[in-house]
Amino acid sequence: MRPPAGTMAARSLERGGRRTSAANRIPRNRTPVSIAAPASLVSAPLRPLIAGDETTFPEPEAAIPWAVETLREGSSERRFDHDEKTGTVTLTLLNDSGEVRDLDHGLVSASIGRELRTIHPDDPLSARGETHWSDFMSRNALSLRTEIRSSTYSDAKNFYPEARIEAYEGNNLVFERGFKEKISRNRV
């Protein structure tokens, strides 16, 4: 029996395709699922329940915990301010990782992140974001620090991202780079 003209099966046969019965497409080790469309019933085989654990897993393997000496405890602060006079809302985030010394090789590291988000609720174009991240590393006489600052704001036509990175060895500036751009919003 040929499928009705214009159906996908008929087009497949016209291109030299082969019709395969549903029974031939079911893997031999699987039980077919039957669906009775008029009654909207799905009949599927049920898996027998098993008493107890079916599988056991070995204990998880983990690395030895990082051996550090805490030189300064970390802290985190989140502050929400509303300027009653101007109506500006400010979210200030401070994330200080603290300062630790790796007991294996002696490297001292620390990181402090400061984020500031401001907006006036009646003016979405007043939104401004600023970040300042400081990372520190030292061992013996070597002392390194990076300072990364970024900010962004927009007006009705453009975004204005700006960023700067500075790297220091001791107190000597050894690298700096920055950019300031104007990017069209393109209806965003």
N, C-alpha and C. Protein backbone atom coordinates (compact mmCIF):
# COMPACT_ATOMS: atom_id res chain seq x y z
N MET A 1 0.84 -1.18 0.00
CA MET A 1 0.00 0.00 0.00
C MET A 1 0.89 1.24 0.00
N ARG A 2 0.63 2.15 -0.90
CA ARG A 2 1.42 3.38 -1.01
C ARG A 2 0.83 4.46 -0.11
N PRO A 3 1.68 5.31 0.46
CA PRO A 3 1.18 6.41 1.29
C PRO A 3 0.47 7.44 0.42
N PRO A 4 -0.42 8.24 1.02
CA PRO A 4 -1.12 9.26 0.25
C PRO A 4 -0.15 10.22 -0.41
N ALA A 5 -0.48 10.68 -1.62
CA ALA A 5 0.37 11.59 -2.37
C ALA A 5 0.57 12.88 -1.57
N GLY A 6 1.77 13.43 -1.66
CA GLY A 6 2.07 14.69 -1.00
C GLY A 6 2.54 14.54 0.44
N THR A 7 2.44 13.35 1.00
CA THR A 7 2.91 13.16 2.37
C THR A 7 4.41 12.96 2.38
N MET A 8 4.99 13.13 3.56
CA MET A 8 6.42 12.98 3.69
C MET A 8 6.88 11.58 3.28
N ALA A 9 6.10 10.57 3.66
CA ALA A 9 6.44 9.19 3.31
C ALA A 9 6.42 9.00 1.80
N ALA A 10 5.42 9.61 1.12
CA ALA A 10 5.34 9.48 -0.34
C ALA A 10 6.55 10.15 -0.99
N ARG A 11 6.93 11.33 -0.51
CA ARG A 11 8.10 12.01 -1.08
C ARG A 11 9.37 11.19 -0.86
N SER A 12 9.47 10.55 0.28
CA SER A 12 10.64 9.72 0.57
C SER A 12 10.72 8.56 -0.41
N LEU A 13 9.56 7.94 -0.72
CA LEU A 13 9.53 6.82 -1.66
C LEU A 13 9.88 7.30 -3.06
N GLU A 14 9.42 8.52 -3.42
CA GLU A 14 9.71 9.04 -4.76
C GLU A 14 11.21 9.27 -4.94
N ARG A 15 11.91 9.60 -3.84
CA ARG A 15 13.35 9.82 -3.93
C ARG A 15 14.14 8.51 -3.76
N GLY A 16 13.47 7.42 -3.75
CA GLY A 16 14.16 6.14 -3.64
C GLY A 16 14.31 5.68 -2.20
N GLY A 17 13.60 6.33 -1.29
CA GLY A 17 13.69 5.95 0.12
C GLY A 17 13.02 4.63 0.37
N ARG A 18 13.28 4.05 1.51
CA ARG A 18 12.73 2.75 1.87
C ARG A 18 11.80 2.93 3.05
N ARG A 19 10.61 2.38 2.97
CA ARG A 19 9.69 2.41 4.11
C ARG A 19 10.07 1.28 5.04
N THR A 20 10.03 1.59 6.32
CA THR A 20 10.36 0.58 7.31
C THR A 20 9.22 0.52 8.31
N SER A 21 8.83 -0.66 8.65
CA SER A 21 7.74 -0.78 9.62
C SER A 21 8.25 -0.39 10.99
N ALA A 22 7.34 0.06 11.87
CA ALA A 22 7.70 0.49 13.21
C ALA A 22 8.37 -0.64 13.97
N ALA A 23 7.95 -1.87 13.75
CA ALA A 23 8.53 -3.00 14.47
C ALA A 23 10.01 -3.17 14.15
N ASN A 24 10.40 -2.85 12.92
CA ASN A 24 11.80 -3.01 12.54
C ASN A 24 12.70 -1.92 13.12
N ARG A 25 12.11 -0.80 13.53
CA ARG A 25 12.91 0.30 14.06
C ARG A 25 13.12 0.21 15.57
N ILE A 26 12.46 -0.64 16.27
CA ILE A 26 12.60 -0.77 17.72
C ILE A 26 13.77 -1.70 17.99
N PRO A 27 14.72 -1.28 18.83
CA PRO A 27 15.83 -2.18 19.15
C PRO A 27 15.29 -3.49 19.71
N ARG A 28 15.96 -4.56 19.40
CA ARG A 28 15.46 -5.89 19.76
C ARG A 28 15.36 -6.11 21.26
N ASN A 29 16.19 -5.43 22.04
CA ASN A 29 16.17 -5.65 23.47
C ASN A 29 15.25 -4.67 24.22
N ARG A 30 14.41 -3.95 23.52
CA ARG A 30 13.51 -2.97 24.13
C ARG A 30 12.06 -3.41 23.96
N THR A 31 11.23 -3.00 24.91
CA THR A 31 9.80 -3.26 24.81
C THR A 31 9.16 -2.04 24.16
N PRO A 32 8.33 -2.23 23.14
CA PRO A 32 7.72 -1.07 22.48
C PRO A 32 6.73 -0.37 23.42
N VAL A 33 6.61 0.95 23.23
CA VAL A 33 5.62 1.75 23.96
C VAL A 33 4.47 1.95 23.00
N SER A 34 3.26 1.72 23.48
CA SER A 34 2.11 1.92 22.60
C SER A 34 1.31 3.12 23.09
N ILE A 35 0.77 3.86 22.14
CA ILE A 35 -0.05 5.03 22.45
C ILE A 35 -1.38 4.85 21.74
N ALA A 36 -2.44 4.92 22.52
CA ALA A 36 -3.79 4.85 21.97
C ALA A 36 -4.30 6.28 21.88
N ALA A 37 -4.21 6.88 20.70
CA ALA A 37 -4.53 8.29 20.53
C ALA A 37 -5.97 8.67 20.88
N PRO A 38 -6.99 7.92 20.45
CA PRO A 38 -8.35 8.36 20.77
C PRO A 38 -8.61 8.42 22.28
N ALA A 39 -8.01 7.53 23.04
CA ALA A 39 -8.25 7.51 24.48
C ALA A 39 -7.18 8.31 25.23
N SER A 40 -6.18 8.84 24.51
CA SER A 40 -5.06 9.57 25.12
C SER A 40 -4.44 8.79 26.25
N LEU A 41 -4.07 7.58 25.98
CA LEU A 41 -3.51 6.68 26.98
C LEU A 41 -2.11 6.28 26.55
N VAL A 42 -1.18 6.33 27.50
CA VAL A 42 0.17 5.85 27.24
C VAL A 42 0.37 4.61 28.08
N SER A 43 0.73 3.53 27.42
CA SER A 43 0.97 2.27 28.11
C SER A 43 2.45 1.96 27.98
N ALA A 44 3.15 1.97 29.11
CA ALA A 44 4.58 1.70 29.09
C ALA A 44 4.89 0.61 30.09
N PRO A 45 5.89 -0.20 29.79
CA PRO A 45 6.24 -1.26 30.74
C PRO A 45 6.78 -0.64 32.03
N LEU A 46 6.48 -1.26 33.16
CA LEU A 46 6.95 -0.79 34.45
C LEU A 46 8.17 -1.58 34.87
N ARG A 47 9.12 -0.91 35.44
CA ARG A 47 10.33 -1.54 35.93
C ARG A 47 10.05 -2.11 37.32
N PRO A 48 10.41 -3.34 37.57
CA PRO A 48 10.14 -3.90 38.90
C PRO A 48 10.97 -3.18 39.96
N LEU A 49 10.38 -2.98 41.14
CA LEU A 49 11.08 -2.34 42.24
C LEU A 49 12.11 -3.30 42.81
N ILE A 50 13.23 -2.74 43.25
CA ILE A 50 14.30 -3.55 43.82
C ILE A 50 14.47 -3.13 45.27
N ALA A 51 14.60 -4.08 46.16
CA ALA A 51 14.80 -3.78 47.57
C ALA A 51 16.27 -3.44 47.80
N GLY A 52 16.54 -2.40 48.55
CA GLY A 52 17.92 -2.03 48.89
C GLY A 52 18.58 -1.21 47.79
N ASP A 53 19.88 -0.98 47.96
CA ASP A 53 20.66 -0.21 46.99
C ASP A 53 20.95 -1.04 45.75
N GLU A 54 20.74 -0.44 44.58
CA GLU A 54 21.06 -1.13 43.33
C GLU A 54 22.54 -1.04 43.03
N THR A 55 23.13 0.10 43.39
CA THR A 55 24.53 0.34 43.07
C THR A 55 25.21 0.97 44.28
N THR A 56 26.44 0.62 44.49
CA THR A 56 27.24 1.29 45.51
C THR A 56 28.44 1.91 44.81
N PHE A 57 28.84 3.05 45.30
CA PHE A 57 29.96 3.78 44.71
C PHE A 57 31.10 3.82 45.71
N PRO A 58 32.34 3.81 45.21
CA PRO A 58 33.47 3.92 46.14
C PRO A 58 33.50 5.31 46.77
N GLU A 59 34.21 5.43 47.88
CA GLU A 59 34.35 6.73 48.53
C GLU A 59 34.98 7.71 47.54
N PRO A 60 34.53 8.97 47.54
CA PRO A 60 35.10 9.94 46.60
C PRO A 60 36.56 10.25 46.94
N GLU A 61 37.32 10.53 45.89
CA GLU A 61 38.71 10.91 46.08
C GLU A 61 38.77 12.43 46.06
N ALA A 62 39.60 12.99 46.91
CA ALA A 62 39.73 14.44 46.96
C ALA A 62 41.20 14.80 47.15
N ALA A 63 41.55 15.98 46.70
CA ALA A 63 42.91 16.47 46.89
C ALA A 63 43.11 16.82 48.37
N ILE A 64 44.35 16.84 48.77
CA ILE A 64 44.68 17.25 50.14
C ILE A 64 44.29 18.72 50.27
N PRO A 65 43.63 19.11 51.36
CA PRO A 65 43.23 20.51 51.52
C PRO A 65 44.43 21.45 51.41
N TRP A 66 44.17 22.64 50.88
CA TRP A 66 45.21 23.64 50.68
C TRP A 66 45.76 24.06 52.03
N ALA A 67 47.04 23.92 52.23
CA ALA A 67 47.68 24.28 53.51
C ALA A 67 48.08 25.75 53.46
N VAL A 68 47.34 26.58 54.19
CA VAL A 68 47.62 28.02 54.21
C VAL A 68 47.63 28.54 55.64
N GLU A 69 48.32 29.64 55.80
CA GLU A 69 48.30 30.39 57.04
C GLU A 69 47.52 31.67 56.76
N THR A 70 46.49 31.93 57.52
CA THR A 70 45.70 33.14 57.32
C THR A 70 46.38 34.30 58.02
N LEU A 71 46.78 35.30 57.22
CA LEU A 71 47.43 36.49 57.76
C LEU A 71 46.42 37.59 58.05
N ARG A 72 45.36 37.62 57.27
CA ARG A 72 44.28 38.60 57.47
C ARG A 72 42.99 37.94 57.03
N GLU A 73 41.99 37.96 57.88
CA GLU A 73 40.69 37.37 57.55
C GLU A 73 40.02 38.16 56.43
N GLY A 74 39.27 37.46 55.60
CA GLY A 74 38.51 38.11 54.54
C GLY A 74 37.20 38.67 55.08
N SER A 75 36.55 39.48 54.27
CA SER A 75 35.25 40.03 54.66
C SER A 75 34.46 40.37 53.40
N SER A 76 33.17 40.51 53.60
CA SER A 76 32.30 40.85 52.49
C SER A 76 31.24 41.82 52.99
N GLU A 77 30.98 42.84 52.20
CA GLU A 77 30.00 43.85 52.60
C GLU A 77 29.13 44.20 51.41
N ARG A 78 27.85 44.35 51.67
CA ARG A 78 26.90 44.75 50.64
C ARG A 78 26.03 45.83 51.26
N ARG A 79 26.07 47.02 50.66
CA ARG A 79 25.35 48.16 51.23
C ARG A 79 24.45 48.79 50.16
N PHE A 80 23.23 49.07 50.56
CA PHE A 80 22.24 49.69 49.69
C PHE A 80 21.92 51.07 50.26
N ASP A 81 22.12 52.13 49.47
CA ASP A 81 21.86 53.50 49.94
C ASP A 81 20.88 54.19 49.02
N HIS A 82 20.02 55.00 49.61
CA HIS A 82 19.06 55.81 48.85
C HIS A 82 19.24 57.25 49.29
N ASP A 83 19.67 58.10 48.36
CA ASP A 83 19.86 59.52 48.66
C ASP A 83 18.50 60.20 48.61
N GLU A 84 18.01 60.60 49.77
CA GLU A 84 16.68 61.21 49.87
C GLU A 84 16.58 62.52 49.09
N LYS A 85 17.68 63.25 48.99
CA LYS A 85 17.67 64.55 48.32
C LYS A 85 17.60 64.40 46.79
N THR A 86 18.44 63.52 46.21
CA THR A 86 18.50 63.39 44.76
C THR A 86 17.66 62.22 44.24
N GLY A 87 17.35 61.25 45.10
CA GLY A 87 16.61 60.07 44.68
C GLY A 87 17.50 58.96 44.13
N THR A 88 18.79 59.21 44.01
CA THR A 88 19.72 58.22 43.47
C THR A 88 19.85 57.02 44.41
N VAL A 89 19.86 55.84 43.80
CA VAL A 89 20.02 54.60 44.55
C VAL A 89 21.41 54.04 44.25
N THR A 90 22.13 53.63 45.31
CA THR A 90 23.49 53.12 45.14
C THR A 90 23.64 51.77 45.82
N LEU A 91 24.23 50.83 45.11
CA LEU A 91 24.59 49.53 45.67
C LEU A 91 26.11 49.47 45.72
N THR A 92 26.66 49.26 46.91
CA THR A 92 28.11 49.18 47.09
C THR A 92 28.46 47.77 47.55
N LEU A 93 29.40 47.14 46.86
CA LEU A 93 29.87 45.80 47.21
C LEU A 93 31.35 45.86 47.52
N LEU A 94 31.75 45.21 48.61
CA LEU A 94 33.16 45.10 48.96
C LEU A 94 33.44 43.63 49.24
N ASN A 95 34.34 43.04 48.47
CA ASN A 95 34.73 41.64 48.65
C ASN A 95 36.23 41.57 48.90
N ASP A 96 36.59 41.24 50.11
CA ASP A 96 37.99 41.14 50.51
C ASP A 96 38.28 39.67 50.79
N SER A 97 39.17 39.07 50.01
CA SER A 97 39.47 37.64 50.18
C SER A 97 40.34 37.38 51.40
N GLY A 98 40.82 38.43 52.02
CA GLY A 98 41.77 38.26 53.11
C GLY A 98 43.16 38.07 52.53
N GLU A 99 44.11 37.68 53.40
CA GLU A 99 45.48 37.49 52.96
C GLU A 99 45.97 36.16 53.52
N VAL A 100 46.51 35.32 52.66
CA VAL A 100 46.97 33.99 53.08
C VAL A 100 48.38 33.72 52.56
N ARG A 101 49.09 32.86 53.29
CA ARG A 101 50.41 32.40 52.85
C ARG A 101 50.30 30.91 52.56
N ASP A 102 50.72 30.51 51.36
CA ASP A 102 50.75 29.09 50.99
C ASP A 102 51.91 28.45 51.73
N LEU A 103 51.63 27.47 52.57
CA LEU A 103 52.66 26.85 53.39
C LEU A 103 53.58 25.94 52.59
N ASP A 104 53.21 25.58 51.37
CA ASP A 104 54.06 24.74 50.53
C ASP A 104 55.19 25.55 49.89
N HIS A 105 54.88 26.72 49.33
CA HIS A 105 55.91 27.49 48.63
C HIS A 105 56.06 28.93 49.14
N GLY A 106 55.24 29.35 50.09
CA GLY A 106 55.44 30.64 50.73
C GLY A 106 54.83 31.85 50.06
N LEU A 107 54.11 31.67 48.96
CA LEU A 107 53.51 32.82 48.27
C LEU A 107 52.38 33.39 49.12
N VAL A 108 52.40 34.70 49.31
CA VAL A 108 51.35 35.40 50.02
C VAL A 108 50.44 36.04 48.97
N SER A 109 49.13 35.86 49.11
CA SER A 109 48.21 36.43 48.13
C SER A 109 47.00 37.04 48.82
N ALA A 110 46.44 38.04 48.15
CA ALA A 110 45.25 38.73 48.65
C ALA A 110 44.54 39.37 47.47
N SER A 111 43.25 39.63 47.64
CA SER A 111 42.46 40.27 46.59
C SER A 111 41.34 41.07 47.24
N ILE A 112 41.13 42.27 46.74
CA ILE A 112 40.03 43.11 47.23
C ILE A 112 39.27 43.65 46.02
N GLY A 113 37.97 43.46 46.02
CA GLY A 113 37.12 43.96 44.95
C GLY A 113 36.11 44.95 45.48
N ARG A 114 36.00 46.07 44.79
CA ARG A 114 35.04 47.10 45.15
C ARG A 114 34.15 47.36 43.95
N GLU A 115 32.85 47.34 44.15
CA GLU A 115 31.92 47.58 43.04
C GLU A 115 30.88 48.61 43.49
N LEU A 116 30.55 49.49 42.59
CA LEU A 116 29.58 50.55 42.87
C LEU A 116 28.59 50.61 41.71
N ARG A 117 27.31 50.53 42.01
CA ARG A 117 26.25 50.61 41.00
C ARG A 117 25.30 51.73 41.41
N THR A 118 25.06 52.69 40.53
CA THR A 118 24.15 53.79 40.86
C THR A 118 23.11 53.96 39.76
N ILE A 119 21.93 54.42 40.17
CA ILE A 119 20.85 54.70 39.22
C ILE A 119 19.81 55.57 39.90
N HIS A 120 19.15 56.39 39.11
CA HIS A 120 17.97 57.11 39.60
C HIS A 120 16.77 56.33 39.09
N PRO A 121 15.85 55.93 39.99
CA PRO A 121 14.72 55.08 39.57
C PRO A 121 13.87 55.65 38.44
N ASP A 122 13.84 56.97 38.29
CA ASP A 122 13.04 57.58 37.23
C ASP A 122 13.82 57.81 35.94
N ASP A 123 15.11 57.45 35.92
CA ASP A 123 15.94 57.72 34.75
C ASP A 123 16.87 56.53 34.48
N PRO A 124 16.42 55.56 33.68
CA PRO A 124 17.27 54.39 33.39
C PRO A 124 18.62 54.77 32.78
N LEU A 125 18.69 55.90 32.08
CA LEU A 125 19.94 56.32 31.45
C LEU A 125 20.94 56.88 32.46
N SER A 126 20.55 56.99 33.71
CA SER A 126 21.48 57.47 34.73
C SER A 126 22.30 56.32 35.32
N ALA A 127 22.04 55.08 34.91
CA ALA A 127 22.74 53.92 35.46
C ALA A 127 24.24 54.02 35.18
N ARG A 128 25.01 53.69 36.19
CA ARG A 128 26.47 53.72 36.07
C ARG A 128 27.04 52.59 36.91
N GLY A 129 28.04 51.91 36.39
CA GLY A 129 28.71 50.85 37.14
C GLY A 129 30.20 51.11 37.18
N GLU A 130 30.79 50.89 38.34
CA GLU A 130 32.23 51.08 38.51
C GLU A 130 32.79 49.91 39.31
N THR A 131 33.97 49.45 38.92
CA THR A 131 34.65 48.40 39.68
C THR A 131 36.11 48.78 39.89
N HIS A 132 36.68 48.30 40.99
CA HIS A 132 38.11 48.49 41.27
C HIS A 132 38.57 47.22 41.99
N TRP A 133 39.41 46.44 41.30
CA TRP A 133 39.95 45.20 41.87
C TRP A 133 41.44 45.37 42.10
N SER A 134 41.88 44.97 43.29
CA SER A 134 43.31 45.00 43.64
C SER A 134 43.72 43.58 43.99
N ASP A 135 44.79 43.09 43.36
CA ASP A 135 45.33 41.77 43.65
C ASP A 135 46.78 41.92 44.07
N PHE A 136 47.17 41.18 45.10
CA PHE A 136 48.51 41.28 45.67
C PHE A 136 49.15 39.91 45.74
N MET A 137 50.44 39.83 45.46
CA MET A 137 51.22 38.61 45.63
C MET A 137 52.62 39.00 46.09
N SER A 138 53.16 38.23 47.02
CA SER A 138 54.53 38.49 47.45
C SER A 138 55.17 37.21 47.96
N ARG A 139 56.48 37.17 47.83
CA ARG A 139 57.26 36.07 48.40
C ARG A 139 58.69 36.60 48.53
N ASN A 140 59.25 36.41 49.70
CA ASN A 140 60.59 36.91 49.99
C ASN A 140 60.65 38.40 49.65
N ALA A 141 61.59 38.83 48.80
CA ALA A 141 61.74 40.26 48.48
C ALA A 141 60.84 40.71 47.33
N LEU A 142 60.17 39.76 46.66
CA LEU A 142 59.34 40.11 45.51
C LEU A 142 57.93 40.48 45.96
N SER A 143 57.44 41.62 45.46
CA SER A 143 56.08 42.07 45.78
C SER A 143 55.42 42.57 44.50
N LEU A 144 54.26 41.97 44.14
CA LEU A 144 53.54 42.32 42.91
C LEU A 144 52.13 42.76 43.25
N ARG A 145 51.61 43.68 42.44
CA ARG A 145 50.24 44.16 42.66
C ARG A 145 49.64 44.56 41.33
N THR A 146 48.36 44.25 41.13
CA THR A 146 47.64 44.78 39.97
C THR A 146 46.46 45.58 40.47
N GLU A 147 46.16 46.64 39.76
CA GLU A 147 45.00 47.49 40.03
C GLU A 147 44.19 47.55 38.74
N ILE A 148 42.94 47.14 38.81
CA ILE A 148 42.08 47.15 37.62
C ILE A 148 40.85 47.97 37.94
N ARG A 149 40.60 48.97 37.12
CA ARG A 149 39.42 49.81 37.29
C ARG A 149 38.61 49.80 36.00
N SER A 150 37.31 49.76 36.14
CA SER A 150 36.45 49.85 34.96
C SER A 150 35.18 50.58 35.33
N SER A 151 34.59 51.18 34.32
CA SER A 151 33.30 51.85 34.52
C SER A 151 32.53 51.82 33.21
N THR A 152 31.24 51.95 33.32
CA THR A 152 30.41 52.04 32.12
C THR A 152 29.14 52.81 32.44
N TYR A 153 28.69 53.54 31.46
CA TYR A 153 27.40 54.23 31.53
C TYR A 153 26.91 54.38 30.11
N SER A 154 25.72 54.92 29.95
CA SER A 154 25.18 55.08 28.59
C SER A 154 24.29 56.31 28.53
N ASP A 155 24.03 56.71 27.31
CA ASP A 155 22.98 57.70 27.06
C ASP A 155 22.03 57.05 26.05
N ALA A 156 21.13 57.80 25.50
CA ALA A 156 20.13 57.22 24.60
C ALA A 156 20.73 56.61 23.34
N LYS A 157 21.93 57.06 22.93
CA LYS A 157 22.50 56.60 21.67
C LYS A 157 23.74 55.72 21.81
N ASN A 158 24.46 55.81 22.94
CA ASN A 158 25.75 55.14 23.04
C ASN A 158 26.00 54.54 24.42
N PHE A 159 26.90 53.53 24.43
CA PHE A 159 27.48 53.00 25.66
C PHE A 159 28.87 53.60 25.77
N TYR A 160 29.34 53.83 27.00
CA TYR A 160 30.66 54.42 27.23
C TYR A 160 31.45 53.56 28.22
N PRO A 161 32.08 52.48 27.75
CA PRO A 161 32.92 51.68 28.66
C PRO A 161 34.31 52.27 28.76
N GLU A 162 34.90 52.09 29.92
CA GLU A 162 36.25 52.60 30.16
C GLU A 162 36.93 51.62 31.12
N ALA A 163 38.21 51.33 30.90
CA ALA A 163 38.92 50.42 31.79
C ALA A 163 40.40 50.77 31.80
N ARG A 164 41.05 50.39 32.90
CA ARG A 164 42.49 50.63 33.04
C ARG A 164 43.07 49.53 33.92
N ILE A 165 44.23 49.03 33.52
CA ILE A 165 44.97 48.08 34.34
C ILE A 165 46.36 48.64 34.58
N GLU A 166 46.83 48.48 35.81
CA GLU A 166 48.18 48.88 36.18
C GLU A 166 48.82 47.71 36.93
N ALA A 167 50.09 47.42 36.62
CA ALA A 167 50.83 46.36 37.31
C ALA A 167 52.05 46.99 37.96
N TYR A 168 52.30 46.58 39.21
CA TYR A 168 53.40 47.14 39.99
C TYR A 168 54.30 46.03 40.48
N GLU A 169 55.60 46.32 40.48
CA GLU A 169 56.57 45.48 41.17
C GLU A 169 57.10 46.36 42.28
N GLY A 170 56.80 45.97 43.51
CA GLY A 170 57.06 46.88 44.62
C GLY A 170 56.15 48.09 44.43
N ASN A 171 56.71 49.28 44.47
CA ASN A 171 55.91 50.50 44.21
C ASN A 171 56.15 51.05 42.81
N ASN A 172 56.90 50.32 41.98
CA ASN A 172 57.22 50.78 40.63
C ASN A 172 56.19 50.28 39.62
N LEU A 173 55.60 51.22 38.89
CA LEU A 173 54.66 50.87 37.82
C LEU A 173 55.43 50.22 36.68
N VAL A 174 55.11 48.95 36.34
CA VAL A 174 55.85 48.24 35.28
C VAL A 174 54.99 48.02 34.04
N PHE A 175 53.68 48.19 34.15
CA PHE A 175 52.81 48.00 32.99
C PHE A 175 51.53 48.79 33.23
N GLU A 176 51.03 49.39 32.16
CA GLU A 176 49.72 50.05 32.23
C GLU A 176 49.07 50.04 30.87
N ARG A 177 47.77 49.92 30.87
CA ARG A 177 47.02 49.97 29.63
C ARG A 177 45.60 50.39 29.98
N GLY A 178 45.00 51.15 29.09
CA GLY A 178 43.63 51.57 29.33
C GLY A 178 42.91 51.80 28.02
N PHE A 179 41.62 51.88 28.11
CA PHE A 179 40.84 52.22 26.93
C PHE A 179 39.59 52.97 27.37
N LYS A 180 39.09 53.74 26.45
CA LYS A 180 37.86 54.49 26.64
C LYS A 180 37.16 54.46 25.29
N GLU A 181 35.94 53.94 25.27
CA GLU A 181 35.25 53.78 23.98
C GLU A 181 33.86 54.39 24.01
N LYS A 182 33.35 54.58 22.82
CA LYS A 182 31.98 55.01 22.61
C LYS A 182 31.39 54.00 21.63
N ILE A 183 30.38 53.23 22.09
CA ILE A 183 29.80 52.16 21.27
C ILE A 183 28.34 52.45 21.03
N SER A 184 27.95 52.47 19.76
CA SER A 184 26.57 52.75 19.40
C SER A 184 25.64 51.68 19.99
N ARG A 185 24.51 52.12 20.51
CA ARG A 185 23.55 51.18 21.12
C ARG A 185 22.82 50.36 20.06
N ASN A 186 22.71 50.86 18.84
CA ASN A 186 22.00 50.14 17.78
C ASN A 186 20.64 49.63 18.27
N ARG A 187 19.87 50.51 18.83
CA ARG A 187 18.50 50.24 19.31
C ARG A 187 18.44 49.31 20.53
N VAL A 188 19.54 49.14 21.22
CA VAL A 188 19.54 48.30 22.44
C VAL A 188 19.11 49.16 23.61
